[in-house]
Amino acid sequence: MTTAKALYQRWIDELWMGKPVASELVADDFVGHWANREITGPDELQAIVGETQQMFSGLILDGDFRRLIPCTPNPTFGPTNASRSRR
């Protein structure tokens, strides 16, 4: 059985890096809720990932998505959720 952590790592390292692996990561009845539409099934997921990559084709993702970056309050916008939880 594949762990959630391993699936998430493949979601980032493979799917969002352009490999056609959506059908290996989600079930046929997958439903994803994007800001402006609903995605169903691995084929639509793979398509929207491709569309998103095209929109940001000039960017290179090069980072460690596993670590958390602490938030600091921004005086212009008020405290963040992270700063509230430390009170």
Foldseek 3Di string as FASTA:
>chain_A
DDDPVRLVCCVVPPLLVQHLCLPVRDPQQDWDDDPVDIAGGSVSVSVVSVVVCVVPVVDDDDDDPPDDDQDDADVVVGGDPRVVVVD
